[in-house]
Amino acid sequence: MLSGVVFNIERCAIHDGPGIRTLVFLQGCPLACLWCQNPEGQSKHPVLLFFENRCVKCFRCLTVCPTGATSISEYGKVTVDRVLCRNCFKCVEVCPSGARRVSGRLMSSKEVVYEVEKDFVFYRRSGGGITLSGGEPTAQPEFAAEVLRGCKTRYIHTCIETCGYTQWEVLEKLLDYTDLVLYDIKHMNEEKHVRFTGVSNRLILANAKKVVTKGVKVVIRVPLITGFNDDEDNVRALAEFVKELGVRYVDLLPYHRLGVGKYKLLQRKYSLEDLEPPTKEHVSKLRDALALGYGLDVSIHGGR
């Protein structure tokens, strides 16, 4: 039995695959998208969240921190130096107010399947199931495969949401137990993809071509980020690539700011602080361009 690090399990989700679903968020992601809505899931390991507004300044955290990562600023506030912090979580154990929490916990594949199976009646009635998200499921490939396999043996519909940035052999193994792939494509231009995500899109596009040959249903997902990938040239290039793949379904995920507060919990600066979501009119225009111009089946969902 394998174990992996899970940072959230969300029940009764309706936008990440068909029917009512349970989303299992796995730690670890090879990308560093500037707009990431789950920055706590980028690391492969559990991380410390610090809710400064809940701190009662008891200073117990200072006495147990082995590296001096926790200190008091000149303004009397408790601060965390993330360079020094080793995520030992001793401060979490002594915090009386819940100002410090751990994001991510070790779970066995059996535990995850057990949690997913609790809502089996909803899956059966709605056509739902499990969706592995993150982070990135391929960051923990053996664990992800065992969870998917366990769900398949219990007749639960399986889905993965992936950025596709991994070795093909890793992704292919997950497809053996996957009914649906939600495949993220951030940008068609390699230079812009590197600038905003930290990696090239070559491997992502190459793997997309291989995924469609496996007979698994694929939905292309596009997080629409204002000023990054919502221009007509990129959308046109995306549509031509999707048509070449032979994929019919595209989900547009308009950018939103719901995850911005998480950066403060990690003592990280959010580099897109002034970025606004695209207007409904602009998103509708892009949807129509894909649907009417290229015959694609396009849906609009809440973005990330």
Protein backbone atom coordinates (compact mmCIF):
# COMPACT_ATOMS: atom_id res chain seq x y z
CA MET A 1 0.00 0.00 0.00
CA LEU A 2 1.43 3.37 -1.05
CA SER A 3 1.17 6.70 0.74
CA GLY A 4 1.12 10.21 -0.67
CA VAL A 5 0.68 13.81 0.42
CA VAL A 6 -2.83 15.26 0.02
CA PHE A 7 -3.53 18.91 0.82
CA ASN A 8 -7.29 18.96 0.34
CA ILE A 9 -10.30 16.75 -0.34
CA GLU A 10 -13.31 18.65 -1.66
CA ARG A 11 -16.70 17.01 -1.86
CA CYS A 12 -19.73 17.77 -4.04
CA ALA A 13 -17.74 19.51 -6.80
CA ILE A 14 -19.53 19.98 -10.12
CA HIS A 15 -17.05 21.70 -12.46
CA ASP A 16 -14.17 19.22 -12.68
CA GLY A 17 -15.71 16.36 -14.60
CA PRO A 18 -19.25 15.03 -15.04
CA GLY A 19 -21.75 14.75 -12.21
CA ILE A 20 -21.05 15.23 -8.52
CA ARG A 21 -17.39 14.63 -7.78
CA THR A 22 -14.84 14.38 -5.02
CA LEU A 23 -11.69 16.36 -5.77
CA VAL A 24 -8.45 15.04 -4.30
CA PHE A 25 -5.65 17.62 -4.38
CA LEU A 26 -2.14 16.15 -4.40
CA GLN A 27 0.97 18.07 -3.34
CA GLY A 28 3.62 18.92 -5.90
CA CYS A 29 3.69 20.72 -9.26
CA PRO A 30 6.50 21.20 -11.81
CA LEU A 31 5.04 24.52 -12.96
CA ALA A 32 5.13 27.86 -11.14
CA CYS A 33 2.28 29.73 -12.82
CA LEU A 34 2.22 33.37 -11.73
CA TRP A 35 -1.56 33.16 -11.21
CA CYS A 36 -1.57 29.83 -9.34
CA GLN A 37 -4.66 29.57 -7.14
CA ASN A 38 -3.23 26.74 -5.03
CA PRO A 39 0.32 27.90 -4.19
CA GLU A 40 0.29 25.72 -1.08
CA GLY A 41 0.20 22.72 -3.42
CA GLN A 42 3.34 23.56 -5.41
CA SER A 43 5.73 21.90 -2.97
CA LYS A 44 5.90 18.10 -2.86
CA HIS A 45 5.92 18.28 0.93
CA PRO A 46 3.51 19.68 3.56
CA VAL A 47 3.96 23.40 4.16
CA LEU A 48 3.23 25.83 6.99
CA LEU A 49 0.33 28.26 6.72
CA PHE A 50 0.47 31.30 9.03
CA PHE A 51 -2.80 33.14 9.74
CA GLU A 52 -1.37 36.36 11.13
CA ASN A 53 -4.79 37.74 12.12
CA ARG A 54 -5.31 34.80 14.49
CA CYS A 55 -1.98 35.19 16.27
CA VAL A 56 -2.44 36.09 19.97
CA LYS A 57 1.29 36.77 20.48
CA CYS A 58 1.81 34.11 23.10
CA PHE A 59 5.28 33.61 21.57
CA ARG A 60 5.28 29.86 22.21
CA CYS A 61 6.30 29.37 18.59
CA LEU A 62 9.53 31.29 19.22
CA THR A 63 10.58 28.97 22.01
CA VAL A 64 10.21 25.76 19.99
CA CYS A 65 11.50 26.87 16.57
CA PRO A 66 14.84 25.07 16.09
CA THR A 67 16.15 27.34 13.31
CA GLY A 68 15.08 30.81 14.39
CA ALA A 69 12.70 31.07 11.46
CA THR A 70 10.05 32.55 13.75
CA SER A 71 10.88 35.97 15.16
CA ILE A 72 9.35 39.29 16.20
CA SER A 73 9.56 42.22 13.81
CA GLU A 74 10.38 45.78 14.83
CA TYR A 75 6.63 46.43 14.77
CA GLY A 76 5.94 43.70 17.30
CA LYS A 77 4.50 41.22 14.81
CA VAL A 78 5.38 37.54 14.70
CA THR A 79 7.02 36.72 11.37
CA VAL A 80 8.18 33.58 9.58
CA ASP A 81 11.38 33.43 7.54
CA ARG A 82 10.63 30.84 4.85
CA VAL A 83 14.30 30.45 3.98
CA LEU A 84 15.10 29.29 7.51
CA CYS A 85 11.86 27.36 8.07
CA ARG A 86 12.29 23.59 7.71
CA ASN A 87 8.57 22.82 8.04
CA CYS A 88 9.10 20.76 11.18
CA PHE A 89 5.70 22.07 12.42
CA LYS A 90 6.73 22.21 16.07
CA CYS A 91 5.19 25.69 16.14
CA VAL A 92 1.87 24.25 14.96
CA GLU A 93 1.83 21.82 17.88
CA VAL A 94 2.12 24.58 20.48
CA CYS A 95 -0.03 27.27 18.84
CA PRO A 96 -3.19 27.74 20.99
CA SER A 97 -5.14 29.92 18.53
CA GLY A 98 -4.91 28.02 15.26
CA ALA A 99 -2.76 30.73 13.71
CA ARG A 100 -0.44 28.04 12.37
CA ARG A 101 -1.65 25.12 10.31
CA VAL A 102 -0.16 22.42 8.15
CA SER A 103 -1.19 22.21 4.50
CA GLY A 104 -0.76 18.65 3.34
CA ARG A 105 -0.98 15.34 5.17
CA LEU A 106 0.29 11.87 4.51
CA MET A 107 -2.48 9.47 3.51
CA SER A 108 -2.44 5.90 2.26
CA SER A 109 -4.12 5.11 -1.04
CA LYS A 110 -6.60 2.99 0.92
CA GLU A 111 -7.54 5.99 3.09
CA VAL A 112 -8.14 8.17 0.04
CA VAL A 113 -10.28 5.56 -1.70
CA TYR A 114 -12.24 5.09 1.54
CA GLU A 115 -12.98 8.83 1.69
CA VAL A 116 -14.00 8.92 -1.97
CA GLU A 117 -16.22 5.86 -1.64
CA LYS A 118 -18.33 7.55 1.07
CA ASP A 119 -20.18 9.49 -1.64
CA PHE A 120 -20.72 6.55 -3.98
CA VAL A 121 -24.51 7.04 -3.97
CA PHE A 122 -24.05 10.56 -5.39
CA TYR A 123 -21.73 9.31 -8.10
CA ARG A 124 -24.17 6.61 -9.15
CA ARG A 125 -27.10 9.02 -9.41
CA SER A 126 -25.21 11.85 -11.13
CA GLY A 127 -22.57 10.05 -13.16
CA GLY A 128 -19.85 11.57 -11.00
CA GLY A 129 -16.70 10.17 -9.40
CA ILE A 130 -13.19 11.15 -8.35
CA THR A 131 -10.99 13.84 -9.89
CA LEU A 132 -7.30 13.92 -9.00
CA SER A 133 -6.02 17.49 -9.09
CA GLY A 134 -3.38 19.50 -7.31
CA GLY A 135 -0.74 20.55 -7.51
CA GLU A 136 -0.26 17.95 -10.20
CA PRO A 137 -1.23 14.24 -10.01
CA THR A 138 1.82 13.16 -12.01
CA ALA A 139 4.08 14.61 -9.29
CA GLN A 140 3.14 11.53 -7.21
CA PRO A 141 2.62 9.01 -10.01
CA GLU A 142 2.71 5.70 -8.13
CA PHE A 143 0.37 6.98 -5.42
CA ALA A 144 -1.99 8.56 -7.96
CA ALA A 145 -2.12 5.35 -10.00
CA GLU A 146 -2.95 3.26 -6.94
CA VAL A 147 -5.76 5.62 -5.92
CA LEU A 148 -7.21 5.56 -9.43
CA ARG A 149 -6.93 1.79 -9.62
CA GLY A 150 -8.68 1.42 -6.26
CA CYS A 151 -11.54 3.60 -7.44
CA LYS A 152 -11.86 1.73 -10.73
CA THR A 153 -12.21 -1.60 -8.89
CA ARG A 154 -15.13 -0.01 -7.02
CA TYR A 155 -16.79 1.15 -10.26
CA ILE A 156 -16.14 4.83 -9.55
CA HIS A 157 -15.61 7.11 -12.56
CA THR A 158 -12.05 8.44 -12.60
CA CYS A 159 -10.63 11.71 -13.88
CA ILE A 160 -7.29 13.49 -13.69
CA GLU A 161 -6.56 17.15 -14.18
CA THR A 162 -3.01 17.52 -15.49
CA CYS A 163 -0.67 20.13 -16.91
CA GLY A 164 0.95 17.37 -18.97
CA TYR A 165 4.49 18.36 -18.00
CA THR A 166 5.94 14.96 -17.19
CA GLN A 167 7.61 12.02 -18.89
CA TRP A 168 5.19 10.18 -21.17
CA GLU A 169 5.75 6.88 -19.37
CA VAL A 170 4.49 8.48 -16.14
CA LEU A 171 1.37 9.94 -17.69
CA GLU A 172 0.64 6.80 -19.68
CA LYS A 173 0.58 4.71 -16.50
CA LEU A 174 -2.16 6.90 -15.02
CA LEU A 175 -4.22 6.67 -18.20
CA ASP A 176 -4.62 2.92 -17.66
CA TYR A 177 -6.99 3.75 -14.78
CA THR A 178 -8.48 7.01 -16.06
CA ASP A 179 -11.85 7.58 -17.75
CA LEU A 180 -11.43 11.31 -18.42
CA VAL A 181 -8.45 13.66 -18.78
CA LEU A 182 -8.81 17.39 -18.13
CA TYR A 183 -5.71 18.61 -19.97
CA ASP A 184 -4.46 22.12 -19.22
CA ILE A 185 -2.90 24.19 -21.97
CA LYS A 186 -1.74 27.58 -20.72
CA HIS A 187 -0.30 29.11 -23.91
CA MET A 188 0.67 28.07 -27.43
CA ASN A 189 3.72 30.35 -27.55
CA GLU A 190 6.77 28.75 -25.93
CA GLU A 191 8.51 31.97 -24.89
CA LYS A 192 5.42 33.31 -23.11
CA HIS A 193 4.77 29.92 -21.57
CA VAL A 194 8.26 29.92 -20.03
CA ARG A 195 7.90 33.50 -18.80
CA PHE A 196 4.60 32.93 -17.00
CA THR A 197 4.87 29.28 -15.87
CA GLY A 198 8.62 28.66 -15.59
CA VAL A 199 8.75 25.81 -18.12
CA SER A 200 8.55 25.20 -21.86
CA ASN A 201 5.29 23.98 -23.43
CA ARG A 202 7.01 21.56 -25.82
CA LEU A 203 6.60 18.50 -23.61
CA ILE A 204 3.03 19.50 -22.77
CA LEU A 205 1.98 19.75 -26.41
CA ALA A 206 3.81 16.55 -27.32
CA ASN A 207 2.11 14.61 -24.55
CA ALA A 208 -1.28 15.98 -25.57
CA LYS A 209 -0.83 14.36 -28.97
CA LYS A 210 -0.03 11.04 -27.30
CA VAL A 211 -2.91 11.17 -24.82
CA VAL A 212 -5.54 11.32 -27.55
CA THR A 213 -4.20 8.08 -29.06
CA LYS A 214 -5.03 6.14 -25.88
CA GLY A 215 -8.78 6.20 -26.37
CA VAL A 216 -9.45 8.22 -23.20
CA LYS A 217 -11.91 11.12 -23.37
CA VAL A 218 -10.02 14.42 -23.28
CA VAL A 219 -11.20 17.92 -22.43
CA ILE A 220 -8.76 20.77 -23.08
CA ARG A 221 -8.82 23.33 -20.27
CA VAL A 222 -7.57 26.89 -20.68
CA PRO A 223 -7.16 29.24 -17.71
CA LEU A 224 -7.93 32.63 -19.29
CA ILE A 225 -5.43 35.08 -17.84
CA THR A 226 -5.90 38.73 -18.76
CA GLY A 227 -3.05 40.01 -20.92
CA PHE A 228 -1.33 36.62 -21.05
CA ASN A 229 -3.27 34.17 -23.18
CA ASP A 230 -6.65 35.80 -23.87
CA ASP A 231 -5.66 37.43 -27.16
CA GLU A 232 -7.17 36.32 -30.46
CA ASP A 233 -3.86 35.07 -31.90
CA ASN A 234 -3.30 32.62 -29.06
CA VAL A 235 -6.93 31.48 -29.07
CA ARG A 236 -6.73 30.88 -32.82
CA ALA A 237 -3.51 28.86 -32.43
CA LEU A 238 -5.10 26.89 -29.60
CA ALA A 239 -8.19 26.11 -31.67
CA GLU A 240 -6.12 24.85 -34.59
CA PHE A 241 -4.09 22.64 -32.25
CA VAL A 242 -7.21 21.22 -30.62
CA LYS A 243 -8.76 20.48 -34.03
CA GLU A 244 -5.53 18.77 -35.05
CA LEU A 245 -5.76 16.60 -31.93
CA GLY A 246 -9.28 15.56 -32.85
CA VAL A 247 -10.60 16.82 -29.49
CA ARG A 248 -14.04 18.37 -29.41
CA TYR A 249 -14.39 19.72 -25.88
CA VAL A 250 -12.79 22.87 -24.46
CA ASP A 251 -13.29 24.43 -21.01
CA LEU A 252 -12.50 28.12 -20.53
CA LEU A 253 -11.57 29.01 -16.96
CA PRO A 254 -11.63 32.80 -16.49
CA TYR A 255 -9.07 34.11 -14.03
CA HIS A 256 -10.31 35.05 -10.57
CA ARG A 257 -8.70 36.35 -7.40
CA LEU A 258 -10.01 33.83 -4.86
CA GLY A 259 -6.57 32.33 -4.25
CA VAL A 260 -4.69 35.60 -3.74
CA GLY A 261 -5.00 35.49 0.06
CA LYS A 262 -3.11 32.19 0.20
CA TYR A 263 0.13 33.91 -0.76
CA LYS A 264 0.04 35.93 2.44
CA LEU A 265 -0.36 32.70 4.44
CA LEU A 266 2.88 31.52 2.82
CA GLN A 267 4.66 34.89 3.22
CA ARG A 268 4.89 35.13 -0.55
CA LYS A 269 4.31 38.16 -2.75
CA TYR A 270 1.58 37.79 -5.37
CA SER A 271 3.17 39.17 -8.53
CA LEU A 272 -0.13 39.79 -10.35
CA GLU A 273 -1.61 41.96 -7.59
CA ASP A 274 -3.18 44.46 -9.99
CA LEU A 275 -4.48 41.92 -12.49
CA GLU A 276 -8.24 41.99 -13.09
CA PRO A 277 -10.38 39.08 -14.37
CA PRO A 278 -11.40 39.19 -18.05
CA THR A 279 -14.82 40.69 -18.68
CA LYS A 280 -17.79 38.44 -19.35
CA GLU A 281 -18.12 40.02 -22.77
CA HIS A 282 -14.53 39.17 -23.69
CA VAL A 283 -14.85 35.59 -22.47
CA SER A 284 -18.07 35.17 -24.45
CA LYS A 285 -16.33 36.53 -27.53
CA LEU A 286 -13.53 33.98 -27.19
CA ARG A 287 -16.05 31.19 -26.62
CA ASP A 288 -17.91 32.13 -29.78
CA ALA A 289 -14.66 32.28 -31.76
CA LEU A 290 -13.86 28.70 -30.71
CA ALA A 291 -17.38 27.37 -31.09
CA LEU A 292 -18.54 29.12 -34.26
CA GLY A 293 -15.18 29.41 -35.99
CA TYR A 294 -13.89 25.90 -35.26
CA GLY A 295 -16.95 23.85 -34.32
CA LEU A 296 -15.72 23.10 -30.80
CA ASP A 297 -17.97 22.37 -27.83
CA VAL A 298 -16.96 25.13 -25.40
CA SER A 299 -17.94 25.56 -21.76
CA ILE A 300 -17.12 28.38 -19.36
CA HIS A 301 -16.34 27.46 -15.76
CA GLY A 302 -15.06 29.31 -12.73
CA GLY A 303 -11.34 29.87 -13.31
CA ARG A 304 -8.32 29.50 -11.07
